[in-house]
Amino acid sequence: MTRIAIVTISDRASRGEYEDLGGPAIERWLRRVLAEPCEFVRRIVPDGLESVRDVLIELCDQAGADLILTTGGTGPSPRDLTPEAMRQVIAKELPGFGELMRQASLQHVRTAILSRQTAGVRGRSLIINLPGKPASIDVCLSAVFPAVPYCLELIGAGVIAVHSSILEQRD
């Protein structure tokens, strides 16, 4: 069974001071588009380079996640270090994911250019950085997800089955 990890990156959510909205939004979105069951693994970690880097390595190397979706830590504030942490983890960056997410987001919010989402590959794991707001998560996943099953196939990860309407957007 394909293993999908969802990582919320937030100082406040990791301390229990703020309800994690991003992680549940990702899982709800996936449950709508996935045609077959997948195993979900959830983590909440504080912002920062080491915390994000370490959880990504653990999910790729020990937990065997095929797909890792992060939410949060992609803005310009000093503690937003998700892309920097991911770059320490991945072997290949896939900048087209971030480019498309920003382009799609700009149709809804003019400040989308401040977001630094990206994607990359470590071994047989695809990691995609998403924004923290649920509405933005929906926009970004809708934009890039048609490429995800094929990317997973190319890197030798677990097969992910999505409803045909999602796959039709890939071509």
Protein backbone atom coordinates (compact mmCIF):
# COMPACT_ATOMS: atom_id res chain seq x y z
CA MET A 1 0.00 0.00 0.00
CA THR A 2 1.29 3.45 -0.89
CA ARG A 3 2.41 5.46 2.11
CA ILE A 4 1.71 9.20 2.14
CA ALA A 5 3.18 11.39 4.86
CA ILE A 6 1.70 14.75 5.79
CA VAL A 7 3.94 17.08 7.76
CA THR A 8 2.63 20.25 9.38
CA ILE A 9 5.39 22.73 10.10
CA SER A 10 4.33 25.22 12.76
CA ASP A 11 5.81 26.36 16.05
CA ARG A 12 2.38 27.00 17.56
CA ALA A 13 0.73 23.80 16.31
CA SER A 14 3.67 21.71 17.51
CA ARG A 15 3.24 23.19 21.01
CA GLY A 16 -0.54 22.63 20.96
CA GLU A 17 -1.31 26.36 20.99
CA TYR A 18 -2.90 26.36 17.55
CA GLU A 19 -5.09 23.81 15.81
CA ASP A 20 -3.42 22.22 12.82
CA LEU A 21 -5.61 23.15 9.87
CA GLY A 22 -3.17 22.44 7.03
CA GLY A 23 -2.52 18.75 7.69
CA PRO A 24 -6.22 17.81 7.86
CA ALA A 25 -6.91 19.92 4.73
CA ILE A 26 -4.30 17.93 2.80
CA GLU A 27 -5.73 14.61 3.94
CA ARG A 28 -9.31 15.65 3.08
CA TRP A 29 -8.18 16.74 -0.39
CA LEU A 30 -6.35 13.46 -0.98
CA ARG A 31 -9.28 11.35 0.18
CA ARG A 32 -11.43 13.10 -2.45
CA VAL A 33 -9.07 12.38 -5.37
CA LEU A 34 -7.50 9.02 -4.51
CA ALA A 35 -9.18 6.05 -6.16
CA GLU A 36 -7.62 3.47 -3.82
CA PRO A 37 -6.77 3.48 -0.12
CA CYS A 38 -3.37 4.70 1.00
CA GLU A 39 -1.66 4.64 4.36
CA PHE A 40 -1.37 8.10 5.91
CA VAL A 41 1.41 9.08 8.31
CA ARG A 42 1.06 12.43 10.12
CA ARG A 43 3.67 14.56 11.85
CA ILE A 44 3.66 18.05 13.38
CA VAL A 45 7.04 19.70 13.88
CA PRO A 46 8.19 23.20 14.81
CA ASP A 47 9.52 25.61 12.21
CA GLY A 48 13.26 25.54 11.72
CA LEU A 49 15.96 23.91 9.66
CA GLU A 50 16.85 20.91 11.83
CA SER A 51 13.32 19.90 12.83
CA VAL A 52 12.09 19.87 9.24
CA ARG A 53 15.23 18.25 7.83
CA ASP A 54 15.20 15.49 10.43
CA VAL A 55 11.53 14.56 9.97
CA LEU A 56 11.92 14.47 6.18
CA ILE A 57 14.93 12.15 6.43
CA GLU A 58 13.07 9.91 8.88
CA LEU A 59 9.97 9.72 6.67
CA CYS A 60 12.02 8.95 3.54
CA ASP A 61 14.63 6.61 4.97
CA GLN A 62 12.96 4.86 7.89
CA ALA A 63 9.20 5.18 7.33
CA GLY A 64 9.40 4.52 3.58
CA ALA A 65 7.01 7.29 2.56
CA ASP A 66 6.34 7.36 -1.17
CA LEU A 67 4.92 10.88 -1.11
CA ILE A 68 5.53 13.54 1.54
CA LEU A 69 3.41 16.69 1.56
CA THR A 70 4.50 19.46 3.88
CA THR A 71 2.40 22.44 4.88
CA GLY A 72 3.83 25.63 6.31
CA GLY A 73 7.20 27.27 6.58
CA THR A 74 7.38 28.47 2.97
CA GLY A 75 7.01 32.21 3.50
CA PRO A 76 9.64 34.93 3.94
CA SER A 77 9.60 35.19 7.75
CA PRO A 78 12.81 34.32 9.62
CA ARG A 79 11.56 30.93 10.94
CA ASP A 80 10.15 29.82 7.55
CA LEU A 81 12.92 27.42 6.54
CA THR A 82 11.06 24.51 4.96
CA PRO A 83 12.58 24.92 1.46
CA GLU A 84 16.09 25.26 2.93
CA ALA A 85 15.62 22.13 5.05
CA MET A 86 14.26 20.22 2.09
CA ARG A 87 17.22 21.19 -0.09
CA GLN A 88 19.50 19.57 2.51
CA VAL A 89 17.53 16.34 2.15
CA ILE A 90 16.79 15.91 -1.56
CA ALA A 91 18.98 14.60 -4.38
CA LYS A 92 16.99 16.38 -7.12
CA GLU A 93 14.91 19.52 -6.98
CA LEU A 94 11.79 19.77 -9.15
CA PRO A 95 11.26 23.55 -9.38
CA GLY A 96 8.36 23.27 -11.82
CA PHE A 97 6.09 22.27 -8.95
CA GLY A 98 6.73 25.55 -7.12
CA GLU A 99 6.45 27.58 -10.29
CA LEU A 100 3.04 26.09 -11.09
CA MET A 101 1.77 26.44 -7.52
CA ARG A 102 2.68 30.13 -7.42
CA GLN A 103 1.12 30.71 -10.83
CA ALA A 104 -2.13 29.02 -9.77
CA SER A 105 -2.16 30.85 -6.43
CA LEU A 106 -1.69 34.24 -8.08
CA GLN A 107 -5.15 33.85 -9.60
CA HIS A 108 -6.55 33.97 -6.04
CA VAL A 109 -4.15 36.04 -3.94
CA ARG A 110 -1.69 38.72 -5.04
CA THR A 111 0.81 37.86 -2.31
CA ALA A 112 1.43 34.35 -3.72
CA ILE A 113 4.78 35.55 -5.03
CA LEU A 114 6.00 35.55 -1.41
CA SER A 115 5.58 31.78 -1.15
CA ARG A 116 8.64 29.62 -1.74
CA GLN A 117 7.09 26.20 -2.35
CA THR A 118 9.13 23.64 -4.24
CA ALA A 119 9.43 19.87 -4.62
CA GLY A 120 12.17 17.31 -4.78
CA VAL A 121 13.16 13.67 -4.71
CA ARG A 122 15.07 11.69 -2.10
CA GLY A 123 15.52 8.07 -3.07
CA ARG A 124 12.06 6.77 -3.87
CA SER A 125 10.22 9.59 -2.09
CA LEU A 126 8.67 12.67 -3.66
CA ILE A 127 8.48 15.68 -1.31
CA ILE A 128 6.22 18.64 -2.11
CA ASN A 129 6.12 21.82 -0.01
CA LEU A 130 2.67 23.38 0.22
CA PRO A 131 1.51 26.64 1.81
CA GLY A 132 -0.12 26.62 5.23
CA LYS A 133 -3.63 27.92 4.50
CA PRO A 134 -6.27 25.29 3.60
CA ALA A 135 -7.67 27.31 0.66
CA SER A 136 -4.15 27.68 -0.77
CA ILE A 137 -3.47 23.99 -0.23
CA ASP A 138 -6.52 23.15 -2.35
CA VAL A 139 -5.41 25.48 -5.16
CA CYS A 140 -1.85 24.18 -5.15
CA LEU A 141 -2.70 20.47 -5.00
CA SER A 142 -5.26 20.89 -7.77
CA ALA A 143 -2.58 22.48 -9.93
CA VAL A 144 0.27 19.99 -9.45
CA PHE A 145 -1.33 16.68 -8.51
CA PRO A 146 -1.94 15.53 -12.08
CA ALA A 147 1.86 15.11 -12.39
CA VAL A 148 2.30 13.27 -9.08
CA PRO A 149 1.34 9.69 -10.11
CA TYR A 150 3.70 9.82 -13.10
CA CYS A 151 6.51 11.30 -11.02
CA LEU A 152 6.09 8.53 -8.43
CA GLU A 153 6.25 5.98 -11.24
CA LEU A 154 9.44 7.54 -12.64
CA ILE A 155 11.26 7.45 -9.28
CA GLY A 156 10.15 3.89 -8.46
CA ALA A 157 7.85 4.85 -5.60
CA GLY A 158 4.54 3.23 -4.74
CA VAL A 159 1.75 3.44 -7.25
CA ILE A 160 -0.91 5.99 -6.51
CA ALA A 161 -4.32 5.62 -8.12
CA VAL A 162 -6.39 8.73 -8.63
CA HIS A 163 -9.76 9.31 -10.19
CA SER A 164 -9.54 9.60 -13.98
CA SER A 165 -10.55 13.27 -14.01
CA ILE A 166 -7.30 14.09 -12.21
CA LEU A 167 -5.16 12.02 -14.58
CA GLU A 168 -6.72 13.66 -17.64
CA GLN A 169 -5.21 16.96 -16.50
CA ARG A 170 -1.70 15.41 -16.73
CA ASP A 171 -1.52 15.18 -20.52
